[in-house]
PDB file of all heavy atoms in Angstrom:
ATOM      1  N   HIS A   1      71.244 127.316 347.129  1.00  0.00           N
ATOM      2  CA  HIS A   1      71.359 126.693 345.821  1.00  0.00           C
ATOM      3  C   HIS A   1      71.335 127.740 344.728  1.00  0.00           C
ATOM      4  O   HIS A   1      70.490 128.653 344.799  1.00  0.00           O
ATOM      5  CB  HIS A   1      70.182 125.707 345.567  1.00  0.00           C
ATOM      6  CG  HIS A   1      70.246 125.016 344.303  1.00  0.00           C
ATOM      7  ND1 HIS A   1      71.169 123.983 344.097  1.00  0.00           N
ATOM      8  CD2 HIS A   1      69.621 125.186 343.100  1.00  0.00           C
ATOM      9  CE1 HIS A   1      70.969 123.532 342.907  1.00  0.00           C
ATOM     10  NE2 HIS A   1      70.033 124.274 342.223  1.00  0.00           N
ATOM     11  N   PRO A   2      72.207 127.754 343.826  1.00  0.00           N
ATOM     12  CA  PRO A   2      73.334 126.878 343.681  1.00  0.00           C
ATOM     13  C   PRO A   2      74.523 127.341 344.479  1.00  0.00           C
ATOM     14  O   PRO A   2      74.598 128.513 344.878  1.00  0.00           O
ATOM     15  CB  PRO A   2      73.723 126.985 342.194  1.00  0.00           C
ATOM     16  CG  PRO A   2      73.265 128.351 341.773  1.00  0.00           C
ATOM     17  CD  PRO A   2      72.023 128.613 342.677  1.00  0.00           C
ATOM     18  N   VAL A   3      75.471 126.423 344.749  1.00  0.00           N
ATOM     19  CA  VAL A   3      76.739 126.814 345.390  1.00  0.00           C
ATOM     20  C   VAL A   3      77.831 126.298 344.448  1.00  0.00           C
ATOM     21  O   VAL A   3      77.872 125.165 344.081  1.00  0.00           O
ATOM     22  CB  VAL A   3      76.917 126.209 346.792  1.00  0.00           C
ATOM     23  CG1 VAL A   3      78.325 126.475 347.321  1.00  0.00           C
ATOM     24  CG2 VAL A   3      75.850 126.716 347.721  1.00  0.00           C
ATOM     25  N   LEU A   4      78.694 127.248 344.051  1.00  0.00           N
ATOM     26  CA  LEU A   4      79.877 126.901 343.264  1.00  0.00           C
ATOM     27  C   LEU A   4      81.085 126.997 344.223  1.00  0.00           C
ATOM     28  O   LEU A   4      81.131 127.913 344.961  1.00  0.00           O
ATOM     29  CB  LEU A   4      80.070 127.748 342.042  1.00  0.00           C
ATOM     30  CG  LEU A   4      79.099 127.506 340.919  1.00  0.00           C
ATOM     31  CD1 LEU A   4      77.835 128.276 341.122  1.00  0.00           C
ATOM     32  CD2 LEU A   4      79.772 127.761 339.635  1.00  0.00           C
ATOM     33  N   SER A   5      82.038 126.034 344.043  1.00  0.00           N
ATOM     34  CA  SER A   5      83.202 126.123 344.874  1.00  0.00           C
ATOM     35  C   SER A   5      84.446 125.740 344.124  1.00  0.00           C
ATOM     36  O   SER A   5      84.348 124.997 343.112  1.00  0.00           O
ATOM     37  CB  SER A   5      83.035 125.307 346.162  1.00  0.00           C
ATOM     38  OG  SER A   5      82.993 123.915 345.834  1.00  0.00           O
ATOM     39  N   LEU A   6      85.530 126.163 344.630  1.00  0.00           N
ATOM     40  CA  LEU A   6      86.831 125.916 344.040  1.00  0.00           C
ATOM     41  C   LEU A   6      87.763 125.664 345.200  1.00  0.00           C
ATOM     42  O   LEU A   6      87.814 126.461 346.115  1.00  0.00           O
ATOM     43  CB  LEU A   6      87.323 127.096 343.211  1.00  0.00           C
ATOM     44  CG  LEU A   6      88.567 127.042 342.476  1.00  0.00           C
ATOM     45  CD1 LEU A   6      88.626 125.890 341.477  1.00  0.00           C
ATOM     46  CD2 LEU A   6      88.865 128.327 341.830  1.00  0.00           C
ATOM     47  N   LYS A   7      88.451 124.472 345.210  1.00  0.00           N
ATOM     48  CA  LYS A   7      89.359 124.179 346.334  1.00  0.00           C
ATOM     49  C   LYS A   7      90.740 124.428 345.861  1.00  0.00           C
ATOM     50  O   LYS A   7      91.253 123.943 344.893  1.00  0.00           O
ATOM     51  CB  LYS A   7      89.218 122.692 346.751  1.00  0.00           C
ATOM     52  CG  LYS A   7      89.883 122.336 348.013  1.00  0.00           C
ATOM     53  CD  LYS A   7      89.530 120.924 348.470  1.00  0.00           C
ATOM     54  CE  LYS A   7      90.165 120.668 349.834  1.00  0.00           C
ATOM     55  NZ  LYS A   7      89.770 119.355 350.367  1.00  0.00           N
ATOM     56  N   LEU A   8      91.488 125.240 346.677  1.00  0.00           N
ATOM     57  CA  LEU A   8      92.788 125.700 346.351  1.00  0.00           C
ATOM     58  C   LEU A   8      93.647 125.799 347.550  1.00  0.00           C
ATOM     59  O   LEU A   8      93.143 125.798 348.682  1.00  0.00           O
ATOM     60  CB  LEU A   8      92.792 127.103 345.724  1.00  0.00           C
ATOM     61  CG  LEU A   8      92.094 127.281 344.420  1.00  0.00           C
ATOM     62  CD1 LEU A   8      91.879 128.714 344.175  1.00  0.00           C
ATOM     63  CD2 LEU A   8      92.884 126.661 343.255  1.00  0.00           C
ATOM     64  N   GLN A   9      94.961 125.746 347.402  1.00  0.00           N
ATOM     65  CA  GLN A   9      95.916 125.974 348.514  1.00  0.00           C
ATOM     66  C   GLN A   9      95.731 127.458 348.960  1.00  0.00           C
ATOM     67  O   GLN A   9      95.317 128.307 348.222  1.00  0.00           O
ATOM     68  CB  GLN A   9      97.374 125.810 348.097  1.00  0.00           C
ATOM     69  CG  GLN A   9      97.632 124.262 347.698  1.00  0.00           C
ATOM     70  CD  GLN A   9      97.425 123.404 348.886  1.00  0.00           C
ATOM     71  OE1 GLN A   9      97.902 123.663 350.069  1.00  0.00           O
ATOM     72  NE2 GLN A   9      96.812 122.270 348.697  1.00  0.00           N
ATOM     73  N   SER A  10      96.099 127.726 350.264  1.00  0.00           N
ATOM     74  CA  SER A  10      95.859 129.068 350.865  1.00  0.00           C
ATOM     75  C   SER A  10      96.417 130.198 350.075  1.00  0.00           C
ATOM     76  O   SER A  10      95.728 131.210 349.893  1.00  0.00           O
ATOM     77  CB  SER A  10      96.281 129.011 352.266  1.00  0.00           C
ATOM     78  OG  SER A  10      97.687 128.743 352.357  1.00  0.00           O
ATOM     79  N   ASN A  11      97.647 130.096 349.601  1.00  0.00           N
ATOM     80  CA  ASN A  11      98.210 131.305 348.847  1.00  0.00           C
ATOM     81  C   ASN A  11      97.434 131.552 347.547  1.00  0.00           C
ATOM     82  O   ASN A  11      97.136 132.670 347.142  1.00  0.00           O
ATOM     83  CB  ASN A  11      99.676 131.161 348.583  1.00  0.00           C
ATOM     84  CG  ASN A  11     100.047 129.920 347.843  1.00  0.00           C
ATOM     85  OD1 ASN A  11      99.275 128.946 347.759  1.00  0.00           O
ATOM     86  ND2 ASN A  11     101.209 129.970 347.245  1.00  0.00           N
ATOM     87  N   GLU A  12      97.079 130.483 346.828  1.00  0.00           N
ATOM     88  CA  GLU A  12      96.260 130.617 345.662  1.00  0.00           C
ATOM     89  C   GLU A  12      94.798 130.992 345.926  1.00  0.00           C
ATOM     90  O   GLU A  12      94.249 131.738 345.160  1.00  0.00           O
ATOM     91  CB  GLU A  12      96.266 129.269 344.874  1.00  0.00           C
ATOM     92  CG  GLU A  12      97.585 128.892 344.329  1.00  0.00           C
ATOM     93  CD  GLU A  12      97.586 127.442 343.727  1.00  0.00           C
ATOM     94  OE1 GLU A  12      96.763 126.598 344.179  1.00  0.00           O
ATOM     95  OE2 GLU A  12      98.357 127.222 342.856  1.00  0.00           O
ATOM     96  N   LEU A  13      94.278 130.502 347.003  1.00  0.00           N
ATOM     97  CA  LEU A  13      92.911 130.820 347.433  1.00  0.00           C
ATOM     98  C   LEU A  13      92.764 132.298 347.670  1.00  0.00           C
ATOM     99  O   LEU A  13      91.829 132.923 347.184  1.00  0.00           O
ATOM    100  CB  LEU A  13      92.570 129.994 348.675  1.00  0.00           C
ATOM    101  CG  LEU A  13      91.120 130.249 349.223  1.00  0.00           C
ATOM    102  CD1 LEU A  13      90.068 129.876 348.198  1.00  0.00           C
ATOM    103  CD2 LEU A  13      90.957 129.433 350.478  1.00  0.00           C
ATOM    104  N   LEU A  14      93.752 132.893 348.386  1.00  0.00           N
ATOM    105  CA  LEU A  14      93.707 134.272 348.653  1.00  0.00           C
ATOM    106  C   LEU A  14      93.715 135.156 347.423  1.00  0.00           C
ATOM    107  O   LEU A  14      92.901 136.063 347.185  1.00  0.00           O
ATOM    108  CB  LEU A  14      94.842 134.692 349.592  1.00  0.00           C
ATOM    109  CG  LEU A  14      94.899 136.175 350.000  1.00  0.00           C
ATOM    110  CD1 LEU A  14      93.558 136.602 350.705  1.00  0.00           C
ATOM    111  CD2 LEU A  14      96.093 136.466 350.887  1.00  0.00           C
ATOM    112  N   ARG A  15      94.613 134.808 346.514  1.00  0.00           N
ATOM    113  CA  ARG A  15      94.664 135.562 345.249  1.00  0.00           C
ATOM    114  C   ARG A  15      93.469 135.453 344.402  1.00  0.00           C
ATOM    115  O   ARG A  15      92.875 136.454 343.837  1.00  0.00           O
ATOM    116  CB  ARG A  15      95.950 135.094 344.425  1.00  0.00           C
ATOM    117  CG  ARG A  15      97.225 135.570 345.014  1.00  0.00           C
ATOM    118  CD  ARG A  15      98.335 135.478 344.035  1.00  0.00           C
ATOM    119  NE  ARG A  15      98.520 134.170 343.363  1.00  0.00           N
ATOM    120  CZ  ARG A  15      99.362 133.215 343.660  1.00  0.00           C
ATOM    121  NH1 ARG A  15     100.244 133.445 344.585  1.00  0.00           N
ATOM    122  NH2 ARG A  15      99.387 132.060 343.011  1.00  0.00           N
ATOM    123  N   ALA A  16      92.920 134.218 344.322  1.00  0.00           N
ATOM    124  CA  ALA A  16      91.665 134.008 343.620  1.00  0.00           C
ATOM    125  C   ALA A  16      90.460 134.690 344.195  1.00  0.00           C
ATOM    126  O   ALA A  16      89.660 135.336 343.486  1.00  0.00           O
ATOM    127  CB  ALA A  16      91.343 132.437 343.502  1.00  0.00           C
ATOM    128  N   TYR A  17      90.382 134.637 345.532  1.00  0.00           N
ATOM    129  CA  TYR A  17      89.309 135.320 346.246  1.00  0.00           C
ATOM    130  C   TYR A  17      89.282 136.874 345.941  1.00  0.00           C
ATOM    131  O   TYR A  17      88.265 137.404 345.574  1.00  0.00           O
ATOM    132  CB  TYR A  17      89.475 135.073 347.718  1.00  0.00           C
ATOM    133  CG  TYR A  17      88.461 135.808 348.646  1.00  0.00           C
ATOM    134  CD1 TYR A  17      87.093 135.587 348.638  1.00  0.00           C
ATOM    135  CD2 TYR A  17      88.950 136.841 349.440  1.00  0.00           C
ATOM    136  CE1 TYR A  17      86.204 136.223 349.447  1.00  0.00           C
ATOM    137  CE2 TYR A  17      88.079 137.444 350.295  1.00  0.00           C
ATOM    138  CZ  TYR A  17      86.720 137.224 350.285  1.00  0.00           C
ATOM    139  OH  TYR A  17      85.857 137.868 351.101  1.00  0.00           O
ATOM    140  N   LEU A  18      90.447 137.443 346.119  1.00  0.00           N
ATOM    141  CA  LEU A  18      90.528 138.882 345.878  1.00  0.00           C
ATOM    142  C   LEU A  18      90.279 139.225 344.414  1.00  0.00           C
ATOM    143  O   LEU A  18      89.636 140.218 344.076  1.00  0.00           O
ATOM    144  CB  LEU A  18      91.951 139.433 346.314  1.00  0.00           C
ATOM    145  CG  LEU A  18      92.194 139.281 347.835  1.00  0.00           C
ATOM    146  CD1 LEU A  18      93.596 139.669 348.208  1.00  0.00           C
ATOM    147  CD2 LEU A  18      91.191 140.012 348.633  1.00  0.00           C
ATOM    148  N   HIS A  19      90.801 138.454 343.534  1.00  0.00           N
ATOM    149  CA  HIS A  19      90.611 138.718 342.098  1.00  0.00           C
ATOM    150  C   HIS A  19      89.163 138.550 341.698  1.00  0.00           C
ATOM    151  O   HIS A  19      88.639 139.419 340.967  1.00  0.00           O
ATOM    152  CB  HIS A  19      91.482 137.696 341.229  1.00  0.00           C
ATOM    153  CG  HIS A  19      91.490 137.967 339.801  1.00  0.00           C
ATOM    154  ND1 HIS A  19      92.145 139.024 339.216  1.00  0.00           N
ATOM    155  CD2 HIS A  19      90.786 137.349 338.791  1.00  0.00           C
ATOM    156  CE1 HIS A  19      91.844 138.981 337.897  1.00  0.00           C
ATOM    157  NE2 HIS A  19      91.055 137.993 337.630  1.00  0.00           N
ATOM    158  N   ILE A  20      88.499 137.509 342.198  1.00  0.00           N
ATOM    159  CA  ILE A  20      87.079 137.334 341.792  1.00  0.00           C
ATOM    160  C   ILE A  20      86.205 138.373 342.403  1.00  0.00           C
ATOM    161  O   ILE A  20      85.284 138.907 341.693  1.00  0.00           O
ATOM    162  CB  ILE A  20      86.626 135.896 342.234  1.00  0.00           C
ATOM    163  CG1 ILE A  20      87.291 134.856 341.317  1.00  0.00           C
ATOM    164  CG2 ILE A  20      85.093 135.823 342.226  1.00  0.00           C
ATOM    165  CD1 ILE A  20      87.090 133.462 341.657  1.00  0.00           C
ATOM    166  N   LYS A  21      86.480 138.761 343.651  1.00  0.00           N
ATOM    167  CA  LYS A  21      85.665 139.938 344.153  1.00  0.00           C
ATOM    168  C   LYS A  21      85.881 141.166 343.302  1.00  0.00           C
ATOM    169  O   LYS A  21      84.879 141.952 343.127  1.00  0.00           O
ATOM    170  CB  LYS A  21      86.104 140.172 345.655  1.00  0.00           C
ATOM    171  CG  LYS A  21      85.467 139.077 346.527  1.00  0.00           C
ATOM    172  CD  LYS A  21      85.327 139.425 347.988  1.00  0.00           C
ATOM    173  CE  LYS A  21      84.385 140.566 348.266  1.00  0.00           C
ATOM    174  NZ  LYS A  21      83.654 140.447 349.411  1.00  0.00           N
ATOM    175  N   GLY A  22      87.097 141.392 342.866  1.00  0.00           N
ATOM    176  CA  GLY A  22      87.334 142.571 342.060  1.00  0.00           C
ATOM    177  C   GLY A  22      86.622 142.433 340.647  1.00  0.00           C
ATOM    178  O   GLY A  22      86.058 143.440 340.232  1.00  0.00           O
ATOM    179  N   ARG A  23      86.764 141.303 340.065  1.00  0.00           N
ATOM    180  CA  ARG A  23      86.060 141.118 338.779  1.00  0.00           C
ATOM    181  C   ARG A  23      84.548 141.286 338.869  1.00  0.00           C
ATOM    182  O   ARG A  23      83.908 141.656 337.967  1.00  0.00           O
ATOM    183  CB  ARG A  23      86.387 139.730 338.225  1.00  0.00           C
ATOM    184  CG  ARG A  23      87.854 139.648 337.741  1.00  0.00           C
ATOM    185  CD  ARG A  23      88.143 140.261 336.383  1.00  0.00           C
ATOM    186  NE  ARG A  23      87.329 139.770 335.325  1.00  0.00           N
ATOM    187  CZ  ARG A  23      87.666 138.715 334.547  1.00  0.00           C
ATOM    188  NH1 ARG A  23      88.781 138.070 334.735  1.00  0.00           N
ATOM    189  NH2 ARG A  23      86.830 138.294 333.622  1.00  0.00           N
ATOM    190  N   LEU A  24      83.984 140.913 340.041  1.00  0.00           N
ATOM    191  CA  LEU A  24      82.489 141.003 340.246  1.00  0.00           C
ATOM    192  C   LEU A  24      82.164 142.383 340.781  1.00  0.00           C
ATOM    193  O   LEU A  24      81.019 142.649 341.119  1.00  0.00           O
ATOM    194  CB  LEU A  24      81.979 139.912 341.169  1.00  0.00           C
ATOM    195  CG  LEU A  24      82.137 138.455 340.663  1.00  0.00           C
ATOM    196  CD1 LEU A  24      81.667 137.506 341.751  1.00  0.00           C
ATOM    197  CD2 LEU A  24      81.340 138.368 339.407  1.00  0.00           C
ATOM    198  N   GLU A  25      83.199 143.263 340.899  1.00  0.00           N
ATOM    199  CA  GLU A  25      83.001 144.647 341.408  1.00  0.00           C
ATOM    200  C   GLU A  25      82.390 144.668 342.747  1.00  0.00           C
ATOM    201  O   GLU A  25      81.539 145.493 343.018  1.00  0.00           O
ATOM    202  CB  GLU A  25      82.219 145.443 340.347  1.00  0.00           C
ATOM    203  CG  GLU A  25      82.952 145.562 339.052  1.00  0.00           C
ATOM    204  CD  GLU A  25      82.091 146.366 338.026  1.00  0.00           C
ATOM    205  OE1 GLU A  25      81.037 146.885 338.302  1.00  0.00           O
ATOM    206  OE2 GLU A  25      82.628 146.531 336.920  1.00  0.00           O
ATOM    207  N   GLN A  26      82.819 143.732 343.609  1.00  0.00           N
ATOM    208  CA  GLN A  26      82.426 143.706 345.007  1.00  0.00           C
ATOM    209  C   GLN A  26      83.506 144.343 345.841  1.00  0.00           C
ATOM    210  O   GLN A  26      84.656 144.080 345.753  1.00  0.00           O
ATOM    211  CB  GLN A  26      82.218 142.282 345.502  1.00  0.00           C
ATOM    212  CG  GLN A  26      81.028 141.631 344.779  1.00  0.00           C
ATOM    213  CD  GLN A  26      80.755 140.216 345.278  1.00  0.00           C
ATOM    214  OE1 GLN A  26      81.349 139.747 346.181  1.00  0.00           O
ATOM    215  NE2 GLN A  26      79.778 139.526 344.724  1.00  0.00           N
ATOM    216  N   SER A  27      83.101 145.275 346.756  1.00  0.00           N
ATOM    217  CA  SER A  27      84.060 146.003 347.559  1.00  0.00           C
ATOM    218  C   SER A  27      84.648 145.056 348.650  1.00  0.00           C
ATOM    219  O   SER A  27      84.016 144.094 349.038  1.00  0.00           O
ATOM    220  CB  SER A  27      83.404 147.198 348.206  1.00  0.00           C
ATOM    221  OG  SER A  27      82.324 146.764 349.091  1.00  0.00           O
ATOM    222  N   LEU A  28      85.917 145.407 348.931  1.00  0.00           N
ATOM    223  CA  LEU A  28      86.586 144.555 349.984  1.00  0.00           C
ATOM    224  C   LEU A  28      86.379 145.197 351.313  1.00  0.00           C
ATOM    225  O   LEU A  28      86.372 146.391 351.460  1.00  0.00           O
ATOM    226  CB  LEU A  28      88.078 144.563 349.659  1.00  0.00           C
ATOM    227  CG  LEU A  28      88.525 143.916 348.341  1.00  0.00           C
ATOM    228  CD1 LEU A  28      90.046 144.084 348.169  1.00  0.00           C
ATOM    229  CD2 LEU A  28      88.179 142.446 348.306  1.00  0.00           C
ATOM    230  N   THR A  29      86.101 144.324 352.291  1.00  0.00           N
ATOM    231  CA  THR A  29      85.969 144.783 353.691  1.00  0.00           C
ATOM    232  C   THR A  29      87.340 144.956 354.352  1.00  0.00           C
ATOM    233  O   THR A  29      88.330 144.552 353.786  1.00  0.00           O
ATOM    234  CB  THR A  29      85.097 143.793 354.487  1.00  0.00           C
ATOM    235  OG1 THR A  29      85.907 142.567 354.589  1.00  0.00           O
ATOM    236  CG2 THR A  29      83.768 143.506 353.862  1.00  0.00           C
ATOM    237  N   LYS A  30      87.334 145.525 355.519  1.00  0.00           N
ATOM    238  CA  LYS A  30      88.628 145.645 356.215  1.00  0.00           C
ATOM    239  C   LYS A  30      89.191 144.219 356.433  1.00  0.00           C
ATOM    240  O   LYS A  30      90.393 144.006 356.421  1.00  0.00           O
ATOM    241  CB  LYS A  30      88.438 146.341 357.567  1.00  0.00           C
ATOM    242  CG  LYS A  30      88.275 147.801 357.456  1.00  0.00           C
ATOM    243  CD  LYS A  30      88.430 148.549 358.733  1.00  0.00           C
ATOM    244  CE  LYS A  30      87.231 148.198 359.638  1.00  0.00           C
ATOM    245  NZ  LYS A  30      87.298 148.971 360.893  1.00  0.00           N
ATOM    246  N   ASP A  31      88.294 143.246 356.783  1.00  0.00           N
ATOM    247  CA  ASP A  31      88.726 141.843 357.017  1.00  0.00           C
ATOM    248  C   ASP A  31      89.386 141.284 355.757  1.00  0.00           C
ATOM    249  O   ASP A  31      90.351 140.494 355.813  1.00  0.00           O
ATOM    250  CB  ASP A  31      87.583 141.013 357.543  1.00  0.00           C
ATOM    251  CG  ASP A  31      87.209 141.373 358.942  1.00  0.00           C
ATOM    252  OD1 ASP A  31      87.991 141.955 359.722  1.00  0.00           O
ATOM    253  OD2 ASP A  31      86.014 141.099 359.302  1.00  0.00           O
ATOM    254  N   ASP A  32      88.765 141.529 354.624  1.00  0.00           N
ATOM    255  CA  ASP A  32      89.295 141.045 353.368  1.00  0.00           C
ATOM    256  C   ASP A  32      90.693 141.524 353.129  1.00  0.00           C
ATOM    257  O   ASP A  32      91.563 140.835 352.702  1.00  0.00           O
ATOM    258  CB  ASP A  32      88.376 141.498 352.144  1.00  0.00           C
ATOM    259  CG  ASP A  32      87.006 140.762 352.112  1.00  0.00           C
ATOM    260  OD1 ASP A  32      86.933 139.717 352.715  1.00  0.00           O
ATOM    261  OD2 ASP A  32      86.176 141.339 351.448  1.00  0.00           O
ATOM    262  N   ILE A  33      90.873 142.818 353.332  1.00  0.00           N
ATOM    263  CA  ILE A  33      92.144 143.494 353.087  1.00  0.00           C
ATOM    264  C   ILE A  33      93.212 142.914 353.988  1.00  0.00           C
ATOM    265  O   ILE A  33      94.430 142.728 353.628  1.00  0.00           O
ATOM    266  CB  ILE A  33      92.064 145.035 353.210  1.00  0.00           C
ATOM    267  CG1 ILE A  33      91.117 145.561 352.064  1.00  0.00           C
ATOM    268  CG2 ILE A  33      93.406 145.754 353.157  1.00  0.00           C
ATOM    269  CD1 ILE A  33      90.666 146.951 352.247  1.00  0.00           C
TER     270      ILE A  33
END
């Protein structure tokens, strides 16, 4: 708690995921890449 979520189609989800991790300055794992 809390959990925020956003439901998207897969191509949009991937772009959003990578963009948000970048904006939060979180490093990408090999799996993320």
